[in-house]
Amino acid sequence: MCQVIGQPRSTQRYRRVGADDEAALTEAIVRLASEYGRYGYRRVTALLRGEGWHVNHKRVERIWELLSKVDGAVKSCWPMACLYRSLRFGEEYLPVSALLVDKT
């Protein structure tokens, strides 16, 4: 094809076409994440499939990461995992004093 029109192949790029149901899927993910607070993207993917969505876990993960970075709409975290993440990255999910027990 490129030889016919006289262009090098390196000038041709793939352009990703967004799905038509992206907004509806995002709303469903936010709804399920708010309903089931501790579920991650894998369990939300299973719930979506149970509702009849034909969706790949990688697509749900991509939307999940976008939502968590942009506005914090989705967040699944066990308390100890949040604590370790906050200690490691300097974020405050739980106060450290709430989990420390004085053994004297």
C-alpha atoms as a PDB file:
ATOM      1  CA  MET A   1       0.000   0.000   0.000  1.00  0.00           C
ATOM      2  CA  CYS A   2       2.759   2.451   0.951  1.00  0.00           C
ATOM      3  CA  GLN A   3       4.664   1.741  -2.261  1.00  0.00           C
ATOM      4  CA  VAL A   4       1.586   2.568  -4.313  1.00  0.00           C
ATOM      5  CA  ILE A   5       1.189   6.030  -2.789  1.00  0.00           C
ATOM      6  CA  GLY A   6       4.929   6.620  -2.466  1.00  0.00           C
ATOM      7  CA  GLN A   7       5.174   7.036   1.322  1.00  0.00           C
ATOM      8  CA  PRO A   8       7.570   5.261   3.664  1.00  0.00           C
ATOM      9  CA  ARG A   9       6.006   2.790   6.075  1.00  0.00           C
ATOM     10  CA  SER A  10       7.469   4.607   9.070  1.00  0.00           C
ATOM     11  CA  THR A  11       5.120   7.553   8.464  1.00  0.00           C
ATOM     12  CA  GLN A  12       1.999   5.416   8.973  1.00  0.00           C
ATOM     13  CA  ARG A  13       0.801   5.116  12.560  1.00  0.00           C
ATOM     14  CA  TYR A  14      -2.004   3.181  14.182  1.00  0.00           C
ATOM     15  CA  ARG A  15      -4.729   5.359  15.636  1.00  0.00           C
ATOM     16  CA  ARG A  16      -6.719   3.785  18.415  1.00  0.00           C
ATOM     17  CA  VAL A  17     -10.461   4.040  17.954  1.00  0.00           C
ATOM     18  CA  GLY A  18     -12.341   4.518  21.209  1.00  0.00           C
ATOM     19  CA  ALA A  19     -15.268   2.253  21.953  1.00  0.00           C
ATOM     20  CA  ASP A  20     -18.792   3.626  21.813  1.00  0.00           C
ATOM     21  CA  ASP A  21     -19.668   2.302  25.264  1.00  0.00           C
ATOM     22  CA  GLU A  22     -16.694   3.831  27.106  1.00  0.00           C
ATOM     23  CA  ALA A  23     -18.804   6.341  29.061  1.00  0.00           C
ATOM     24  CA  ALA A  24     -21.392   3.748  30.064  1.00  0.00           C
ATOM     25  CA  LEU A  25     -18.664   1.317  31.117  1.00  0.00           C
ATOM     26  CA  THR A  26     -16.959   4.026  33.178  1.00  0.00           C
ATOM     27  CA  GLU A  27     -20.237   4.790  34.954  1.00  0.00           C
ATOM     28  CA  ALA A  28     -20.753   1.086  35.667  1.00  0.00           C
ATOM     29  CA  ILE A  29     -17.235   0.784  37.080  1.00  0.00           C
ATOM     30  CA  VAL A  30     -17.732   3.803  39.352  1.00  0.00           C
ATOM     31  CA  ARG A  31     -21.111   2.453  40.498  1.00  0.00           C
ATOM     32  CA  LEU A  32     -19.700  -0.976  41.349  1.00  0.00           C
ATOM     33  CA  ALA A  33     -16.596   0.489  43.000  1.00  0.00           C
ATOM     34  CA  SER A  34     -18.713   2.685  45.243  1.00  0.00           C
ATOM     35  CA  GLU A  35     -21.064  -0.203  46.062  1.00  0.00           C
ATOM     36  CA  TYR A  36     -18.282  -2.710  46.775  1.00  0.00           C
ATOM     37  CA  GLY A  37     -15.592  -0.531  48.315  1.00  0.00           C
ATOM     38  CA  ARG A  38     -12.829  -3.074  48.789  1.00  0.00           C
ATOM     39  CA  TYR A  39     -13.133  -4.758  45.409  1.00  0.00           C
ATOM     40  CA  GLY A  40     -10.355  -4.166  42.930  1.00  0.00           C
ATOM     41  CA  TYR A  41     -10.514  -4.037  39.163  1.00  0.00           C
ATOM     42  CA  ARG A  42     -10.397  -7.833  38.844  1.00  0.00           C
ATOM     43  CA  ARG A  43     -13.510  -8.436  40.931  1.00  0.00           C
ATOM     44  CA  VAL A  44     -15.248  -5.478  39.331  1.00  0.00           C
ATOM     45  CA  THR A  45     -14.474  -7.081  35.960  1.00  0.00           C
ATOM     46  CA  ALA A  46     -16.160 -10.271  37.153  1.00  0.00           C
ATOM     47  CA  LEU A  47     -19.189  -8.284  38.336  1.00  0.00           C
ATOM     48  CA  LEU A  48     -19.392  -6.491  34.997  1.00  0.00           C
ATOM     49  CA  ARG A  49     -19.304  -9.806  33.156  1.00  0.00           C
ATOM     50  CA  GLY A  50     -22.076 -11.015  35.449  1.00  0.00           C
ATOM     51  CA  GLU A  51     -24.127  -7.999  34.407  1.00  0.00           C
ATOM     52  CA  GLY A  52     -23.666  -8.898  30.746  1.00  0.00           C
ATOM     53  CA  TRP A  53     -20.732  -6.703  29.724  1.00  0.00           C
ATOM     54  CA  HIS A  54     -18.274  -8.256  27.267  1.00  0.00           C
ATOM     55  CA  VAL A  55     -15.188  -6.607  28.701  1.00  0.00           C
ATOM     56  CA  ASN A  56     -11.515  -7.472  29.026  1.00  0.00           C
ATOM     57  CA  HIS A  57      -9.762  -7.125  32.387  1.00  0.00           C
ATOM     58  CA  LYS A  58      -7.068  -4.976  30.771  1.00  0.00           C
ATOM     59  CA  ARG A  59      -9.669  -2.466  29.616  1.00  0.00           C
ATOM     60  CA  VAL A  60     -11.208  -2.295  33.089  1.00  0.00           C
ATOM     61  CA  GLU A  61      -7.741  -1.850  34.605  1.00  0.00           C
ATOM     62  CA  ARG A  62      -6.959   1.002  32.204  1.00  0.00           C
ATOM     63  CA  ILE A  63     -10.198   2.825  33.082  1.00  0.00           C
ATOM     64  CA  TRP A  64      -9.649   2.033  36.786  1.00  0.00           C
ATOM     65  CA  GLU A  65      -6.196   3.619  36.745  1.00  0.00           C
ATOM     66  CA  LEU A  66      -7.479   6.695  34.916  1.00  0.00           C
ATOM     67  CA  LEU A  67     -10.304   7.143  37.420  1.00  0.00           C
ATOM     68  CA  SER A  68      -8.046   6.715  40.425  1.00  0.00           C
ATOM     69  CA  LYS A  69      -5.507   9.219  39.104  1.00  0.00           C
ATOM     70  CA  VAL A  70      -7.933  11.856  37.875  1.00  0.00           C
ATOM     71  CA  ASP A  71     -10.523  12.256  40.591  1.00  0.00           C
ATOM     72  CA  GLY A  72     -10.150   9.371  43.031  1.00  0.00           C
ATOM     73  CA  ALA A  73     -13.540   7.995  42.011  1.00  0.00           C
ATOM     74  CA  VAL A  74     -12.381   4.434  42.593  1.00  0.00           C
ATOM     75  CA  LYS A  75     -10.200   3.255  45.409  1.00  0.00           C
ATOM     76  CA  SER A  76      -9.917  -0.214  46.831  1.00  0.00           C
ATOM     77  CA  CYS A  77      -7.530  -0.699  49.677  1.00  0.00           C
ATOM     78  CA  TRP A  78      -7.252  -2.964  52.677  1.00  0.00           C
ATOM     79  CA  PRO A  79      -6.278  -1.085  55.835  1.00  0.00           C
ATOM     80  CA  MET A  80      -2.838  -2.666  56.275  1.00  0.00           C
ATOM     81  CA  ALA A  81      -2.027  -2.291  52.583  1.00  0.00           C
ATOM     82  CA  CYS A  82      -2.957   1.380  52.872  1.00  0.00           C
ATOM     83  CA  LEU A  83      -0.714   1.738  55.880  1.00  0.00           C
ATOM     84  CA  TYR A  84       2.254   0.146  54.157  1.00  0.00           C
ATOM     85  CA  ARG A  85       1.640   2.227  51.021  1.00  0.00           C
ATOM     86  CA  SER A  86       1.425   5.405  53.093  1.00  0.00           C
ATOM     87  CA  LEU A  87       4.673   4.608  54.877  1.00  0.00           C
ATOM     88  CA  ARG A  88       6.406   3.767  51.621  1.00  0.00           C
ATOM     89  CA  PHE A  89       5.175   6.648  49.490  1.00  0.00           C
ATOM     90  CA  GLY A  90       4.533   9.299  52.129  1.00  0.00           C
ATOM     91  CA  GLU A  91       0.766   9.348  51.647  1.00  0.00           C
ATOM     92  CA  GLU A  92      -1.718   9.481  54.475  1.00  0.00           C
ATOM     93  CA  TYR A  93      -4.416   6.848  54.196  1.00  0.00           C
ATOM     94  CA  LEU A  94      -4.513   5.811  57.842  1.00  0.00           C
ATOM     95  CA  PRO A  95      -2.877   7.406  60.856  1.00  0.00           C
ATOM     96  CA  VAL A  96       0.003   5.231  62.004  1.00  0.00           C
ATOM     97  CA  SER A  97      -0.905   5.815  65.654  1.00  0.00           C
ATOM     98  CA  ALA A  98      -4.262   4.128  65.076  1.00  0.00           C
ATOM     99  CA  LEU A  99      -2.565   0.801  64.428  1.00  0.00           C
ATOM    100  CA  LEU A 100       0.293   0.969  66.933  1.00  0.00           C
ATOM    101  CA  VAL A 101      -0.385  -0.796  70.212  1.00  0.00           C
ATOM    102  CA  ASP A 102       1.501  -0.002  73.379  1.00  0.00           C
ATOM    103  CA  LYS A 103       2.714  -3.344  74.841  1.00  0.00           C
ATOM    104  CA  THR A 104       3.853  -2.070  78.243  1.00  0.00           C
END
